[in-house]
């Protein structure tokens, strides 16, 4: 078991494992970038949705 990294299976497949880990890392990084952009974006840049007019008193 201690020489598992020297086995034939590891020699043939370590590139695929490294690629999969790299893709996972890039995906996680992209998600955190989007989250950070949403949390710390300037509030004056956010487009307001059209609001309904406020009514005073009971509706007629």
C-alpha atoms as a PDB file:
ATOM      1  CA  UNK A   1       0.000   0.000   0.000  1.00  0.00           C
ATOM      2  CA  UNK A   2       2.842   2.414   0.690  1.00  0.00           C
ATOM      3  CA  UNK A   3       4.053   2.077  -2.923  1.00  0.00           C
ATOM      4  CA  UNK A   4       0.638   2.736  -4.451  1.00  0.00           C
ATOM      5  CA  UNK A   5       1.867   5.858  -6.244  1.00  0.00           C
ATOM      6  CA  UNK A   6       4.437   3.737  -8.049  1.00  0.00           C
ATOM      7  CA  UNK A   7       1.872   1.297  -9.434  1.00  0.00           C
ATOM      8  CA  UNK A   8       0.947   0.982 -13.094  1.00  0.00           C
ATOM      9  CA  UNK A   9      -2.590   2.299 -12.492  1.00  0.00           C
ATOM     10  CA  UNK A  10      -1.221   5.505 -10.978  1.00  0.00           C
ATOM     11  CA  UNK A  11       1.266   5.921 -13.788  1.00  0.00           C
ATOM     12  CA  UNK A  12      -1.513   5.660 -16.369  1.00  0.00           C
ATOM     13  CA  UNK A  13      -4.149   7.800 -14.632  1.00  0.00           C
ATOM     14  CA  UNK A  14      -2.488  10.504 -12.525  1.00  0.00           C
ATOM     15  CA  UNK A  15      -2.915  13.038 -15.357  1.00  0.00           C
ATOM     16  CA  UNK A  16      -6.708  12.530 -15.363  1.00  0.00           C
ATOM     17  CA  UNK A  17      -6.870  12.950 -11.594  1.00  0.00           C
ATOM     18  CA  UNK A  18      -4.816  16.132 -11.722  1.00  0.00           C
ATOM     19  CA  UNK A  19      -7.041  17.526 -14.482  1.00  0.00           C
ATOM     20  CA  UNK A  20     -10.213  16.727 -12.512  1.00  0.00           C
ATOM     21  CA  UNK A  21      -8.837  18.413  -9.379  1.00  0.00           C
ATOM     22  CA  UNK A  22      -7.844  21.462 -11.434  1.00  0.00           C
ATOM     23  CA  UNK A  23     -11.359  21.735 -12.940  1.00  0.00           C
ATOM     24  CA  UNK A  24     -12.901  21.452  -9.486  1.00  0.00           C
ATOM     25  CA  UNK A  25     -10.640  24.178  -8.137  1.00  0.00           C
ATOM     26  CA  UNK A  26     -11.474  26.521 -11.020  1.00  0.00           C
ATOM     27  CA  UNK A  27     -15.212  25.907 -10.525  1.00  0.00           C
ATOM     28  CA  UNK A  28     -15.030  26.624  -6.796  1.00  0.00           C
ATOM     29  CA  UNK A  29     -13.010  29.779  -7.449  1.00  0.00           C
ATOM     30  CA  UNK A  30     -15.565  30.997 -10.017  1.00  0.00           C
ATOM     31  CA  UNK A  31     -18.424  30.450  -7.561  1.00  0.00           C
ATOM     32  CA  UNK A  32     -16.641  32.434  -4.849  1.00  0.00           C
ATOM     33  CA  UNK A  33     -15.927  35.249  -7.307  1.00  0.00           C
ATOM     34  CA  UNK A  34     -19.632  35.474  -8.198  1.00  0.00           C
ATOM     35  CA  UNK A  35     -20.615  35.379  -4.531  1.00  0.00           C
ATOM     36  CA  UNK A  36     -18.143  38.122  -3.686  1.00  0.00           C
ATOM     37  CA  UNK A  37     -19.428  40.257  -6.578  1.00  0.00           C
ATOM     38  CA  UNK A  38     -23.005  39.887  -5.350  1.00  0.00           C
ATOM     39  CA  UNK A  39     -22.188  40.633  -1.728  1.00  0.00           C
ATOM     40  CA  UNK A  40     -19.882  43.595  -2.220  1.00  0.00           C
ATOM     41  CA  UNK A  41     -21.270  45.277  -5.332  1.00  0.00           C
ATOM     42  CA  UNK A  42     -22.011  48.982  -5.018  1.00  0.00           C
ATOM     43  CA  UNK A  43     -25.683  49.443  -4.062  1.00  0.00           C
ATOM     44  CA  UNK A  44     -26.112  52.349  -6.478  1.00  0.00           C
ATOM     45  CA  UNK A  45     -25.321  50.020  -9.375  1.00  0.00           C
ATOM     46  CA  UNK A  46     -28.194  47.685  -8.594  1.00  0.00           C
ATOM     47  CA  UNK A  47     -31.142  48.297 -10.868  1.00  0.00           C
ATOM     48  CA  UNK A  48     -34.307  48.918  -8.952  1.00  0.00           C
ATOM     49  CA  UNK A  49     -37.456  47.172 -10.048  1.00  0.00           C
ATOM     50  CA  UNK A  50     -40.400  49.397 -10.835  1.00  0.00           C
ATOM     51  CA  UNK A  51     -42.313  50.003  -7.616  1.00  0.00           C
ATOM     52  CA  UNK A  52     -46.016  50.518  -7.326  1.00  0.00           C
ATOM     53  CA  UNK A  53     -47.331  53.884  -6.151  1.00  0.00           C
ATOM     54  CA  UNK A  54     -47.929  54.122  -2.443  1.00  0.00           C
ATOM     55  CA  UNK A  55     -51.513  54.874  -1.463  1.00  0.00           C
ATOM     56  CA  UNK A  56     -52.543  57.007   1.470  1.00  0.00           C
ATOM     57  CA  UNK A  57     -55.546  55.844   3.382  1.00  0.00           C
ATOM     58  CA  UNK A  58     -57.976  53.079   2.479  1.00  0.00           C
ATOM     59  CA  UNK A  59     -58.247  51.943  -1.106  1.00  0.00           C
ATOM     60  CA  UNK A  60     -61.326  53.287  -2.891  1.00  0.00           C
END
